[in-house]
Amino acid sequence: MQQEFMEKYQIFEQLASLSNKLSGPVDVHVNSKSVKTDDLETSDARLLQIYLEDLGLRNATWLSSRHCLDLEIGGMNGHRLGYMFCDDDLNFPKISRLDFYYIAHLKPGWFFYSRLLIE
């Protein structure tokens, strides 16, 4: 996963730049026409969906309260893998045994994570 990130780092950086333009929460799913935003579907949210499709990622969520972009790679059995970009490392969600349980720092602002979904 880390090697793939490094190979496509410029695209990930474009995603990070694009995410900073989003004003409200955004939830984008690949291969779906639904883009959930506080506003009407925006061209930035649609562009985000195109980048996800190009990278082979499943889902993107803009956590507007934290200014973090959560990019879901996949997962199974209640576990999720993904990349997260936070323009300030201090905004990264708190790590706990009940949520995020593996973190790798990839580049400034970028993290790889594995987490357990809490139902």
PDB file of N, CA and C in Angstrom:
ATOM      1  N   MET A   1       0.819  -1.195   0.000  1.00  0.00           N
ATOM      2  CA  MET A   1       0.000   0.000   0.000  1.00  0.00           C
ATOM      3  C   MET A   1       0.866   1.264   0.000  1.00  0.00           C
ATOM      4  N   GLN A   2       1.945   1.234   0.760  1.00  0.00           N
ATOM      5  CA  GLN A   2       2.796   2.412   0.826  1.00  0.00           C
ATOM      6  C   GLN A   2       3.514   2.651  -0.493  1.00  0.00           C
ATOM      7  N   GLN A   3       3.911   1.572  -1.167  1.00  0.00           N
ATOM      8  CA  GLN A   3       4.591   1.722  -2.452  1.00  0.00           C
ATOM      9  C   GLN A   3       3.641   2.319  -3.484  1.00  0.00           C
ATOM     10  N   GLU A   4       2.394   1.840  -3.490  1.00  0.00           N
ATOM     11  CA  GLU A   4       1.400   2.386  -4.421  1.00  0.00           C
ATOM     12  C   GLU A   4       1.177   3.873  -4.161  1.00  0.00           C
ATOM     13  N   PHE A   5       1.140   4.240  -2.883  1.00  0.00           N
ATOM     14  CA  PHE A   5       0.978   5.649  -2.529  1.00  0.00           C
ATOM     15  C   PHE A   5       2.129   6.483  -3.096  1.00  0.00           C
ATOM     16  N   MET A   6       3.354   5.996  -2.904  1.00  0.00           N
ATOM     17  CA  MET A   6       4.516   6.750  -3.374  1.00  0.00           C
ATOM     18  C   MET A   6       4.528   6.868  -4.903  1.00  0.00           C
ATOM     19  N   GLU A   7       4.103   5.803  -5.589  1.00  0.00           N
ATOM     20  CA  GLU A   7       4.081   5.831  -7.051  1.00  0.00           C
ATOM     21  C   GLU A   7       3.078   6.850  -7.582  1.00  0.00           C
ATOM     22  N   LYS A   8       1.978   7.045  -6.860  1.00  0.00           N
ATOM     23  CA  LYS A   8       0.914   7.943  -7.314  1.00  0.00           C
ATOM     24  C   LYS A   8       0.807   9.183  -6.426  1.00  0.00           C
ATOM     25  N   TYR A   9       1.907   9.535  -5.800  1.00  0.00           N
ATOM     26  CA  TYR A   9       1.907  10.625  -4.827  1.00  0.00           C
ATOM     27  C   TYR A   9       1.372  11.937  -5.410  1.00  0.00           C
ATOM     28  N   GLN A  10       1.708  12.248  -6.648  1.00  0.00           N
ATOM     29  CA  GLN A  10       1.257  13.512  -7.231  1.00  0.00           C
ATOM     30  C   GLN A  10      -0.269  13.566  -7.331  1.00  0.00           C
ATOM     31  N   ILE A  11      -0.896  12.439  -7.629  1.00  0.00           N
ATOM     32  CA  ILE A  11      -2.361  12.418  -7.687  1.00  0.00           C
ATOM     33  C   ILE A  11      -2.934  12.618  -6.287  1.00  0.00           C
ATOM     34  N   PHE A  12      -2.319  11.989  -5.292  1.00  0.00           N
ATOM     35  CA  PHE A  12      -2.770  12.172  -3.912  1.00  0.00           C
ATOM     36  C   PHE A  12      -2.624  13.627  -3.482  1.00  0.00           C
ATOM     37  N   GLU A  13      -1.558  14.265  -3.907  1.00  0.00           N
ATOM     38  CA  GLU A  13      -1.372  15.673  -3.580  1.00  0.00           C
ATOM     39  C   GLU A  13      -2.443  16.543  -4.248  1.00  0.00           C
ATOM     40  N   GLN A  14      -2.858  16.177  -5.453  1.00  0.00           N
ATOM     41  CA  GLN A  14      -3.947  16.894  -6.112  1.00  0.00           C
ATOM     42  C   GLN A  14      -5.245  16.724  -5.320  1.00  0.00           C
ATOM     43  N   LEU A  15      -5.456  15.522  -4.789  1.00  0.00           N
ATOM     44  CA  LEU A  15      -6.622  15.286  -3.935  1.00  0.00           C
ATOM     45  C   LEU A  15      -6.577  16.165  -2.692  1.00  0.00           C
ATOM     46  N   ALA A  16      -5.409  16.262  -2.088  1.00  0.00           N
ATOM     47  CA  ALA A  16      -5.252  17.095  -0.893  1.00  0.00           C
ATOM     48  C   ALA A  16      -5.557  18.551  -1.212  1.00  0.00           C
ATOM     49  N   SER A  17      -5.034  19.024  -2.333  1.00  0.00           N
ATOM     50  CA  SER A  17      -5.288  20.402  -2.744  1.00  0.00           C
ATOM     51  C   SER A  17      -6.774  20.625  -3.008  1.00  0.00           C
ATOM     52  N   LEU A  18      -7.395  19.678  -3.666  1.00  0.00           N
ATOM     53  CA  LEU A  18      -8.822  19.769  -3.963  1.00  0.00           C
ATOM     54  C   LEU A  18      -9.649  19.766  -2.679  1.00  0.00           C
ATOM     55  N   SER A  19      -9.256  18.951  -1.722  1.00  0.00           N
ATOM     56  CA  SER A  19     -10.030  18.853  -0.480  1.00  0.00           C
ATOM     57  C   SER A  19     -10.043  20.172   0.281  1.00  0.00           C
ATOM     58  N   ASN A  20      -8.995  20.949   0.162  1.00  0.00           N
ATOM     59  CA  ASN A  20      -8.951  22.237   0.853  1.00  0.00           C
ATOM     60  C   ASN A  20      -9.956  23.243   0.289  1.00  0.00           C
ATOM     61  N   LYS A  21     -10.511  22.958  -0.893  1.00  0.00           N
ATOM     62  CA  LYS A  21     -11.509  23.834  -1.490  1.00  0.00           C
ATOM     63  C   LYS A  21     -12.928  23.491  -1.045  1.00  0.00           C
ATOM     64  N   LEU A  22     -13.094  22.314  -0.411  1.00  0.00           N
ATOM     65  CA  LEU A  22     -14.427  21.881   0.005  1.00  0.00           C
ATOM     66  C   LEU A  22     -14.835  22.625   1.267  1.00  0.00           C
ATOM     67  N   SER A  23     -16.039  23.154   1.269  1.00  0.00           N
ATOM     68  CA  SER A  23     -16.472  23.950   2.419  1.00  0.00           C
ATOM     69  C   SER A  23     -17.186  23.116   3.473  1.00  0.00           C
ATOM     70  N   GLY A  24     -18.071  22.229   3.058  1.00  0.00           N
ATOM     71  CA  GLY A  24     -18.829  21.426   4.018  1.00  0.00           C
ATOM     72  C   GLY A  24     -18.467  19.966   3.911  1.00  0.00           C
ATOM     73  N   PRO A  25     -19.077  19.121   4.735  1.00  0.00           N
ATOM     74  CA  PRO A  25     -18.811  17.679   4.682  1.00  0.00           C
ATOM     75  C   PRO A  25     -19.152  17.110   3.312  1.00  0.00           C
ATOM     76  N   VAL A  26     -18.332  16.183   2.838  1.00  0.00           N
ATOM     77  CA  VAL A  26     -18.552  15.526   1.558  1.00  0.00           C
ATOM     78  C   VAL A  26     -18.332  14.035   1.742  1.00  0.00           C
ATOM     79  N   ASP A  27     -19.202  13.229   1.134  1.00  0.00           N
ATOM     80  CA  ASP A  27     -19.062  11.776   1.145  1.00  0.00           C
ATOM     81  C   ASP A  27     -19.231  11.317  -0.298  1.00  0.00           C
ATOM     82  N   VAL A  28     -18.159  10.813  -0.896  1.00  0.00           N
ATOM     83  CA  VAL A  28     -18.155  10.426  -2.300  1.00  0.00           C
ATOM     84  C   VAL A  28     -17.878   8.933  -2.396  1.00  0.00           C
ATOM     85  N   HIS A  29     -18.696   8.229  -3.186  1.00  0.00           N
ATOM     86  CA  HIS A  29     -18.508   6.803  -3.408  1.00  0.00           C
ATOM     87  C   HIS A  29     -18.182   6.556  -4.870  1.00  0.00           C
ATOM     88  N   VAL A  30     -17.203   5.691  -5.108  1.00  0.00           N
ATOM     89  CA  VAL A  30     -16.819   5.340  -6.470  1.00  0.00           C
ATOM     90  C   VAL A  30     -17.912   4.467  -7.079  1.00  0.00           C
ATOM     91  N   ASN A  31     -18.073   4.583  -8.376  1.00  0.00           N
ATOM     92  CA  ASN A  31     -19.064   3.811  -9.136  1.00  0.00           C
ATOM     93  C   ASN A  31     -20.478   4.045  -8.641  1.00  0.00           C
ATOM     94  N   SER A  32     -20.730   5.242  -8.177  1.00  0.00           N
ATOM     95  CA  SER A  32     -22.061   5.612  -7.719  1.00  0.00           C
ATOM     96  C   SER A  32     -22.323   7.029  -8.189  1.00  0.00           C
ATOM     97  N   LYS A  33     -23.549   7.297  -8.521  1.00  0.00           N
ATOM     98  CA  LYS A  33     -23.886   8.652  -8.933  1.00  0.00           C
ATOM     99  C   LYS A  33     -24.183   9.529  -7.738  1.00  0.00           C
ATOM    100  N   SER A  34     -24.175   8.927  -6.536  1.00  0.00           N
ATOM    101  CA  SER A  34     -24.507   9.726  -5.354  1.00  0.00           C
ATOM    102  C   SER A  34     -23.256  10.374  -4.777  1.00  0.00           C
ATOM    103  N   VAL A  35     -23.332  11.645  -4.619  1.00  0.00           N
ATOM    104  CA  VAL A  35     -22.308  12.434  -3.944  1.00  0.00           C
ATOM    105  C   VAL A  35     -23.054  13.210  -2.880  1.00  0.00           C
ATOM    106  N   LYS A  36     -22.790  12.900  -1.618  1.00  0.00           N
ATOM    107  CA  LYS A  36     -23.522  13.556  -0.539  1.00  0.00           C
ATOM    108  C   LYS A  36     -22.721  14.748  -0.035  1.00  0.00           C
ATOM    109  N   THR A  37     -23.312  15.918  -0.144  1.00  0.00           N
ATOM    110  CA  THR A  37     -22.684  17.132   0.354  1.00  0.00           C
ATOM    111  C   THR A  37     -23.740  17.972   1.044  1.00  0.00           C
ATOM    112  N   ASP A  38     -23.314  18.958   1.811  1.00  0.00           N
ATOM    113  CA  ASP A  38     -24.254  19.901   2.408  1.00  0.00           C
ATOM    114  C   ASP A  38     -24.898  20.760   1.332  1.00  0.00           C
ATOM    115  N   ASP A  39     -24.145  21.034   0.268  1.00  0.00           N
ATOM    116  CA  ASP A  39     -24.641  21.846  -0.838  1.00  0.00           C
ATOM    117  C   ASP A  39     -25.112  20.909  -1.941  1.00  0.00           C
ATOM    118  N   LEU A  40     -25.478  21.478  -3.058  1.00  0.00           N
ATOM    119  CA  LEU A  40     -25.759  20.678  -4.234  1.00  0.00           C
ATOM    120  C   LEU A  40     -24.456  20.040  -4.697  1.00  0.00           C
ATOM    121  N   GLU A  41     -24.565  19.047  -5.556  1.00  0.00           N
ATOM    122  CA  GLU A  41     -23.358  18.401  -6.078  1.00  0.00           C
ATOM    123  C   GLU A  41     -22.461  19.466  -6.693  1.00  0.00           C
ATOM    124  N   THR A  42     -21.220  19.484  -6.289  1.00  0.00           N
ATOM    125  CA  THR A  42     -20.282  20.490  -6.772  1.00  0.00           C
ATOM    126  C   THR A  42     -19.327  19.872  -7.781  1.00  0.00           C
ATOM    127  N   SER A  43     -18.739  20.698  -8.600  1.00  0.00           N
ATOM    128  CA  SER A  43     -17.763  20.200  -9.559  1.00  0.00           C
ATOM    129  C   SER A  43     -16.538  19.667  -8.827  1.00  0.00           C
ATOM    130  N   ASP A  44     -16.185  20.262  -7.664  1.00  0.00           N
ATOM    131  CA  ASP A  44     -15.045  19.765  -6.884  1.00  0.00           C
ATOM    132  C   ASP A  44     -15.321  18.358  -6.355  1.00  0.00           C
ATOM    133  N   ALA A  45     -16.554  18.112  -5.891  1.00  0.00           N
ATOM    134  CA  ALA A  45     -16.904  16.787  -5.395  1.00  0.00           C
ATOM    135  C   ALA A  45     -16.886  15.774  -6.542  1.00  0.00           C
ATOM    136  N   ARG A  46     -17.345  16.180  -7.709  1.00  0.00           N
ATOM    137  CA  ARG A  46     -17.321  15.275  -8.870  1.00  0.00           C
ATOM    138  C   ARG A  46     -15.886  14.994  -9.291  1.00  0.00           C
ATOM    139  N   LEU A  47     -15.036  16.005  -9.255  1.00  0.00           N
ATOM    140  CA  LEU A  47     -13.622  15.814  -9.577  1.00  0.00           C
ATOM    141  C   LEU A  47     -12.980  14.854  -8.573  1.00  0.00           C
ATOM    142  N   LEU A  48     -13.354  14.986  -7.324  1.00  0.00           N
ATOM    143  CA  LEU A  48     -12.868  14.077  -6.285  1.00  0.00           C
ATOM    144  C   LEU A  48     -13.240  12.640  -6.639  1.00  0.00           C
ATOM    145  N   GLN A  49     -14.467  12.432  -7.095  1.00  0.00           N
ATOM    146  CA  GLN A  49     -14.922  11.099  -7.479  1.00  0.00           C
ATOM    147  C   GLN A  49     -14.096  10.550  -8.653  1.00  0.00           C
ATOM    148  N   ILE A  50     -13.763  11.386  -9.612  1.00  0.00           N
ATOM    149  CA  ILE A  50     -12.965  10.965 -10.763  1.00  0.00           C
ATOM    150  C   ILE A  50     -11.569  10.542 -10.308  1.00  0.00           C
ATOM    151  N   TYR A  51     -10.960  11.316  -9.413  1.00  0.00           N
ATOM    152  CA  TYR A  51      -9.642  10.947  -8.884  1.00  0.00           C
ATOM    153  C   TYR A  51      -9.704   9.600  -8.165  1.00  0.00           C
ATOM    154  N   LEU A  52     -10.754   9.381  -7.383  1.00  0.00           N
ATOM    155  CA  LEU A  52     -10.897   8.110  -6.667  1.00  0.00           C
ATOM    156  C   LEU A  52     -10.976   6.944  -7.640  1.00  0.00           C
ATOM    157  N   GLU A  53     -11.759   7.113  -8.687  1.00  0.00           N
ATOM    158  CA  GLU A  53     -11.882   6.059  -9.690  1.00  0.00           C
ATOM    159  C   GLU A  53     -10.529   5.773 -10.326  1.00  0.00           C
ATOM    160  N   ASP A  54      -9.775   6.809 -10.625  1.00  0.00           N
ATOM    161  CA  ASP A  54      -8.463   6.661 -11.233  1.00  0.00           C
ATOM    162  C   ASP A  54      -7.501   5.922 -10.305  1.00  0.00           C
ATOM    163  N   LEU A  55      -7.595   6.176  -9.011  1.00  0.00           N
ATOM    164  CA  LEU A  55      -6.706   5.549  -8.038  1.00  0.00           C
ATOM    165  C   LEU A  55      -7.197   4.169  -7.595  1.00  0.00           C
ATOM    166  N   GLY A  56      -8.420   3.817  -7.960  1.00  0.00           N
ATOM    167  CA  GLY A  56      -8.962   2.528  -7.551  1.00  0.00           C
ATOM    168  C   GLY A  56      -9.416   2.505  -6.101  1.00  0.00           C
ATOM    169  N   LEU A  57      -9.755   3.676  -5.554  1.00  0.00           N
ATOM    170  CA  LEU A  57     -10.227   3.761  -4.174  1.00  0.00           C
ATOM    171  C   LEU A  57     -11.742   3.688  -4.138  1.00  0.00           C
ATOM    172  N   ARG A  58     -12.313   3.317  -2.984  1.00  0.00           N
ATOM    173  CA  ARG A  58     -13.749   3.083  -2.886  1.00  0.00           C
ATOM    174  C   ARG A  58     -14.554   4.273  -2.421  1.00  0.00           C
ATOM    175  N   ASN A  59     -14.002   5.038  -1.512  1.00  0.00           N
ATOM    176  CA  ASN A  59     -14.811   6.053  -0.844  1.00  0.00           C
ATOM    177  C   ASN A  59     -13.916   7.188  -0.362  1.00  0.00           C
ATOM    178  N   ALA A  60     -14.454   8.396  -0.371  1.00  0.00           N
ATOM    179  CA  ALA A  60     -13.750   9.546   0.199  1.00  0.00           C
ATOM    180  C   ALA A  60     -14.720  10.312   1.072  1.00  0.00           C
ATOM    181  N   THR A  61     -14.239  10.708   2.228  1.00  0.00           N
ATOM    182  CA  THR A  61     -15.046  11.509   3.135  1.00  0.00           C
ATOM    183  C   THR A  61     -14.214  12.706   3.574  1.00  0.00           C
ATOM    184  N   TRP A  62     -14.764  13.897   3.397  1.00  0.00           N
ATOM    185  CA  TRP A  62     -14.108  15.118   3.868  1.00  0.00           C
ATOM    186  C   TRP A  62     -14.655  15.407   5.252  1.00  0.00           C
ATOM    187  N   LEU A  63     -13.801  15.337   6.248  1.00  0.00           N
ATOM    188  CA  LEU A  63     -14.178  15.622   7.632  1.00  0.00           C
ATOM    189  C   LEU A  63     -13.950  17.104   7.862  1.00  0.00           C
ATOM    190  N   SER A  64     -14.946  17.909   7.565  1.00  0.00           N
ATOM    191  CA  SER A  64     -14.768  19.358   7.560  1.00  0.00           C
ATOM    192  C   SER A  64     -14.399  19.901   8.933  1.00  0.00           C
ATOM    193  N   SER A  65     -14.880  19.280  10.001  1.00  0.00           N
ATOM    194  CA  SER A  65     -14.558  19.781  11.340  1.00  0.00           C
ATOM    195  C   SER A  65     -13.084  19.595  11.685  1.00  0.00           C
ATOM    196  N   ARG A  66     -12.435  18.623  11.054  1.00  0.00           N
ATOM    197  CA  ARG A  66     -11.016  18.350  11.308  1.00  0.00           C
ATOM    198  C   ARG A  66     -10.112  18.777  10.157  1.00  0.00           C
ATOM    199  N   HIS A  67     -10.699  19.137   9.029  1.00  0.00           N
ATOM    200  CA  HIS A  67      -9.951  19.432   7.809  1.00  0.00           C
ATOM    201  C   HIS A  67      -9.084  18.243   7.403  1.00  0.00           C
ATOM    202  N   CYS A  68      -9.723  17.061   7.388  1.00  0.00           N
ATOM    203  CA  CYS A  68      -9.047  15.821   7.011  1.00  0.00           C
ATOM    204  C   CYS A  68      -9.819  15.131   5.899  1.00  0.00           C
ATOM    205  N   LEU A  69      -9.096  14.547   4.964  1.00  0.00           N
ATOM    206  CA  LEU A  69      -9.677  13.786   3.878  1.00  0.00           C
ATOM    207  C   LEU A  69      -9.397  12.314   4.125  1.00  0.00           C
ATOM    208  N   ASP A  70     -10.446  11.519   4.288  1.00  0.00           N
ATOM    209  CA  ASP A  70     -10.350  10.087   4.554  1.00  0.00           C
ATOM    210  C   ASP A  70     -10.617   9.343   3.245  1.00  0.00           C
ATOM    211  N   LEU A  71      -9.612   8.615   2.752  1.00  0.00           N
ATOM    212  CA  LEU A  71      -9.722   7.880   1.494  1.00  0.00           C
ATOM    213  C   LEU A  71      -9.714   6.385   1.799  1.00  0.00           C
ATOM    214  N   GLU A  72     -10.853   5.748   1.655  1.00  0.00           N
ATOM    215  CA  GLU A  72     -10.971   4.324   1.975  1.00  0.00           C
ATOM    216  C   GLU A  72     -10.477   3.480   0.811  1.00  0.00           C
ATOM    217  N   ILE A  73      -9.577   2.544   1.127  1.00  0.00           N
ATOM    218  CA  ILE A  73      -9.048   1.620   0.126  1.00  0.00           C
ATOM    219  C   ILE A  73      -9.944   0.399   0.031  1.00  0.00           C
ATOM    220  N   GLY A  74     -10.279  -0.160   1.171  1.00  0.00           N
ATOM    221  CA  GLY A  74     -11.082  -1.378   1.212  1.00  0.00           C
ATOM    222  C   GLY A  74     -11.089  -1.935   2.613  1.00  0.00           C
ATOM    223  N   GLY A  75     -11.416  -3.190   2.708  1.00  0.00           N
ATOM    224  CA  GLY A  75     -11.447  -3.856   3.995  1.00  0.00           C
ATOM    225  C   GLY A  75     -12.476  -4.964   4.001  1.00  0.00           C
ATOM    226  N   MET A  76     -12.528  -5.668   5.125  1.00  0.00           N
ATOM    227  CA  MET A  76     -13.502  -6.737   5.290  1.00  0.00           C
ATOM    228  C   MET A  76     -13.676  -7.051   6.763  1.00  0.00           C
ATOM    229  N   ASN A  77     -14.764  -7.724   7.088  1.00  0.00           N
ATOM    230  CA  ASN A  77     -15.035  -8.157   8.457  1.00  0.00           C
ATOM    231  C   ASN A  77     -14.898  -7.027   9.474  1.00  0.00           C
ATOM    232  N   GLY A  78     -15.451  -5.876   9.176  1.00  0.00           N
ATOM    233  CA  GLY A  78     -15.439  -4.768  10.119  1.00  0.00           C
ATOM    234  C   GLY A  78     -14.140  -3.997  10.198  1.00  0.00           C
ATOM    235  N   HIS A  79     -13.197  -4.267   9.307  1.00  0.00           N
ATOM    236  CA  HIS A  79     -11.924  -3.550   9.264  1.00  0.00           C
ATOM    237  C   HIS A  79     -11.870  -2.716   7.996  1.00  0.00           C
ATOM    238  N   ARG A  80     -11.257  -1.568   8.074  1.00  0.00           N
ATOM    239  CA  ARG A  80     -11.088  -0.707   6.910  1.00  0.00           C
ATOM    240  C   ARG A  80      -9.634  -0.274   6.806  1.00  0.00           C
ATOM    241  N   LEU A  81      -9.177  -0.160   5.558  1.00  0.00           N
ATOM    242  CA  LEU A  81      -7.849   0.348   5.248  1.00  0.00           C
ATOM    243  C   LEU A  81      -8.021   1.643   4.483  1.00  0.00           C
ATOM    244  N   GLY A  82      -7.104   2.561   4.695  1.00  0.00           N
ATOM    245  CA  GLY A  82      -7.213   3.799   3.961  1.00  0.00           C
ATOM    246  C   GLY A  82      -6.031   4.722   4.147  1.00  0.00           C
ATOM    247  N   TYR A  83      -6.118   5.824   3.437  1.00  0.00           N
ATOM    248  CA  TYR A  83      -5.166   6.916   3.556  1.00  0.00           C
ATOM    249  C   TYR A  83      -5.933   8.102   4.117  1.00  0.00           C
ATOM    250  N   MET A  84      -5.266   8.893   4.916  1.00  0.00           N
ATOM    251  CA  MET A  84      -5.898  10.097   5.418  1.00  0.00           C
ATOM    252  C   MET A  84      -4.928  11.257   5.283  1.00  0.00           C
ATOM    253  N   PHE A  85      -5.471  12.366   4.786  1.00  0.00           N
ATOM    254  CA  PHE A  85      -4.702  13.598   4.698  1.00  0.00           C
ATOM    255  C   PHE A  85      -5.287  14.599   5.680  1.00  0.00           C
ATOM    256  N   CYS A  86      -4.433  15.140   6.532  1.00  0.00           N
ATOM    257  CA  CYS A  86      -4.810  16.222   7.442  1.00  0.00           C
ATOM    258  C   CYS A  86      -3.772  17.314   7.275  1.00  0.00           C
ATOM    259  N   ASP A  87      -4.230  18.524   6.937  1.00  0.00           N
ATOM    260  CA  ASP A  87      -3.262  19.603   6.711  1.00  0.00           C
ATOM    261  C   ASP A  87      -2.491  19.935   7.977  1.00  0.00           C
ATOM    262  N   ASP A  88      -3.037  19.593   9.135  1.00  0.00           N
ATOM    263  CA  ASP A  88      -2.341  19.747  10.410  1.00  0.00           C
ATOM    264  C   ASP A  88      -2.375  18.393  11.103  1.00  0.00           C
ATOM    265  N   ASP A  89      -1.202  17.813  11.370  1.00  0.00           N
ATOM    266  CA  ASP A  89      -1.131  16.488  11.990  1.00  0.00           C
ATOM    267  C   ASP A  89      -1.934  16.401  13.287  1.00  0.00           C
ATOM    268  N   LEU A  90      -2.091  17.519  13.983  1.00  0.00           N
ATOM    269  CA  LEU A  90      -2.837  17.519  15.239  1.00  0.00           C
ATOM    270  C   LEU A  90      -4.329  17.278  15.030  1.00  0.00           C
ATOM    271  N   ASN A  91      -4.812  17.472  13.802  1.00  0.00           N
ATOM    272  CA  ASN A  91      -6.222  17.234  13.499  1.00  0.00           C
ATOM    273  C   ASN A  91      -6.538  15.762  13.261  1.00  0.00           C
ATOM    274  N   PHE A  92      -5.495  14.935  13.083  1.00  0.00           N
ATOM    275  CA  PHE A  92      -5.726  13.518  12.842  1.00  0.00           C
ATOM    276  C   PHE A  92      -6.523  12.941  14.018  1.00  0.00           C
ATOM    277  N   PRO A  93      -7.572  12.143  13.730  1.00  0.00           N
ATOM    278  CA  PRO A  93      -8.388  11.592  14.830  1.00  0.00           C
ATOM    279  C   PRO A  93      -7.545  10.843  15.847  1.00  0.00           C
ATOM    280  N   LYS A  94      -7.963  10.897  17.083  1.00  0.00           N
ATOM    281  CA  LYS A  94      -7.241  10.236  18.166  1.00  0.00           C
ATOM    282  C   LYS A  94      -7.145   8.735  17.896  1.00  0.00           C
ATOM    283  N   ILE A  95      -5.993   8.171  18.181  1.00  0.00           N
ATOM    284  CA  ILE A  95      -5.762   6.746  18.004  1.00  0.00           C
ATOM    285  C   ILE A  95      -6.158   6.031  19.290  1.00  0.00           C
ATOM    286  N   SER A  96      -6.979   5.010  19.151  1.00  0.00           N
ATOM    287  CA  SER A  96      -7.360   4.219  20.314  1.00  0.00           C
ATOM    288  C   SER A  96      -7.515   2.773  19.898  1.00  0.00           C
ATOM    289  N   ARG A  97      -7.557   1.892  20.862  1.00  0.00           N
ATOM    290  CA  ARG A  97      -7.717   0.469  20.558  1.00  0.00           C
ATOM    291  C   ARG A  97      -9.074   0.186  19.929  1.00  0.00           C
ATOM    292  N   LEU A  98     -10.028   1.068  20.117  1.00  0.00           N
ATOM    293  CA  LEU A  98     -11.370   0.825  19.611  1.00  0.00           C
ATOM    294  C   LEU A  98     -11.605   1.394  18.218  1.00  0.00           C
ATOM    295  N   ASP A  99     -10.641   2.086  17.687  1.00  0.00           N
ATOM    296  CA  ASP A  99     -10.855   2.689  16.369  1.00  0.00           C
ATOM    297  C   ASP A  99      -9.620   2.467  15.507  1.00  0.00           C
ATOM    298  N   PHE A 100      -8.744   3.444  15.385  1.00  0.00           N
ATOM    299  CA  PHE A 100      -7.534   3.290  14.589  1.00  0.00           C
ATOM    300  C   PHE A 100      -6.543   2.440  15.369  1.00  0.00           C
ATOM    301  N   TYR A 101      -5.997   1.410  14.729  1.00  0.00           N
ATOM    302  CA  TYR A 101      -5.035   0.601  15.452  1.00  0.00           C
ATOM    303  C   TYR A 101      -3.730   0.386  14.707  1.00  0.00           C
ATOM    304  N   TYR A 102      -3.591   0.925  13.531  1.00  0.00           N
ATOM    305  CA  TYR A 102      -2.302   0.896  12.849  1.00  0.00           C
ATOM    306  C   TYR A 102      -2.163   2.180  12.056  1.00  0.00           C
ATOM    307  N   ILE A 103      -1.057   2.827  12.223  1.00  0.00           N
ATOM    308  CA  ILE A 103      -0.811   4.085  11.535  1.00  0.00           C
ATOM    309  C   ILE A 103       0.620   4.072  10.989  1.00  0.00           C
ATOM    310  N   ALA A 104       0.759   4.513   9.762  1.00  0.00           N
ATOM    311  CA  ALA A 104       2.081   4.730   9.188  1.00  0.00           C
ATOM    312  C   ALA A 104       2.085   6.145   8.610  1.00  0.00           C
ATOM    313  N   HIS A 105       3.073   6.919   8.964  1.00  0.00           N
ATOM    314  CA  HIS A 105       3.219   8.267   8.423  1.00  0.00           C
ATOM    315  C   HIS A 105       3.908   8.133   7.075  1.00  0.00           C
ATOM    316  N   LEU A 106       3.264   8.611   6.007  1.00  0.00           N
ATOM    317  CA  LEU A 106       3.784   8.440   4.650  1.00  0.00           C
ATOM    318  C   LEU A 106       4.565   9.651   4.161  1.00  0.00           C
ATOM    319  N   LYS A 107       3.972  10.796   4.265  1.00  0.00           N
ATOM    320  CA  LYS A 107       4.551  12.078   3.846  1.00  0.00           C
ATOM    321  C   LYS A 107       3.934  13.134   4.745  1.00  0.00           C
ATOM    322  N   PRO A 108       4.438  14.355   4.748  1.00  0.00           N
ATOM    323  CA  PRO A 108       3.811  15.381   5.586  1.00  0.00           C
ATOM    324  C   PRO A 108       2.309  15.496   5.310  1.00  0.00           C
ATOM    325  N   GLY A 109       1.527  15.301   6.357  1.00  0.00           N
ATOM    326  CA  GLY A 109       0.076  15.382   6.266  1.00  0.00           C
ATOM    327  C   GLY A 109      -0.610  14.087   5.866  1.00  0.00           C
ATOM    328  N   TRP A 110       0.122  13.100   5.364  1.00  0.00           N
ATOM    329  CA  TRP A 110      -0.447  11.857   4.855  1.00  0.00           C
ATOM    330  C   TRP A 110      -0.157  10.672   5.772  1.00  0.00           C
ATOM    331  N   PHE A 111      -1.200   9.873   6.011  1.00  0.00           N
ATOM    332  CA  PHE A 111      -1.100   8.701   6.866  1.00  0.00           C
ATOM    333  C   PHE A 111      -1.772   7.505   6.187  1.00  0.00           C
ATOM    334  N   PHE A 112      -1.259   6.310   6.460  1.00  0.00           N
ATOM    335  CA  PHE A 112      -1.925   5.068   6.091  1.00  0.00           C
ATOM    336  C   PHE A 112      -2.511   4.517   7.384  1.00  0.00           C
ATOM    337  N   TYR A 113      -3.750   4.018   7.327  1.00  0.00           N
ATOM    338  CA  TYR A 113      -4.351   3.483   8.551  1.00  0.00           C
ATOM    339  C   TYR A 113      -5.119   2.195   8.290  1.00  0.00           C
ATOM    340  N   SER A 114      -5.281   1.463   9.346  1.00  0.00           N
ATOM    341  CA  SER A 114      -6.185   0.338   9.395  1.00  0.00           C
ATOM    342  C   SER A 114      -7.011   0.562  10.634  1.00  0.00           C
ATOM    343  N   ARG A 115      -8.322   0.357  10.535  1.00  0.00           N
ATOM    344  CA  ARG A 115      -9.158   0.622  11.696  1.00  0.00           C
ATOM    345  C   ARG A 115     -10.284  -0.385  11.790  1.00  0.00           C
ATOM    346  N   LEU A 116     -10.816  -0.491  12.979  1.00  0.00           N
ATOM    347  CA  LEU A 116     -11.935  -1.353  13.273  1.00  0.00           C
ATOM    348  C   LEU A 116     -13.181  -0.504  13.275  1.00  0.00           C
ATOM    349  N   LEU A 117     -14.190  -0.938  12.540  1.00  0.00           N
ATOM    350  CA  LEU A 117     -15.442  -0.193  12.529  1.00  0.00           C
ATOM    351  C   LEU A 117     -16.251  -0.530  13.770  1.00  0.00           C
ATOM    352  N   ILE A 118     -16.755   0.482  14.414  1.00  0.00           N
ATOM    353  CA  ILE A 118     -17.574   0.283  15.608  1.00  0.00           C
ATOM    354  C   ILE A 118     -19.027   0.379  15.182  1.00  0.00           C
ATOM    355  N   GLU A 119     -19.773  -0.631  15.491  1.00  0.00           N
ATOM    356  CA  GLU A 119     -21.183  -0.675  15.077  1.00  0.00           C
ATOM    357  C   GLU A 119     -22.079  -0.142  16.172  1.00  0.00           C
TER     358      GLU A 119
END
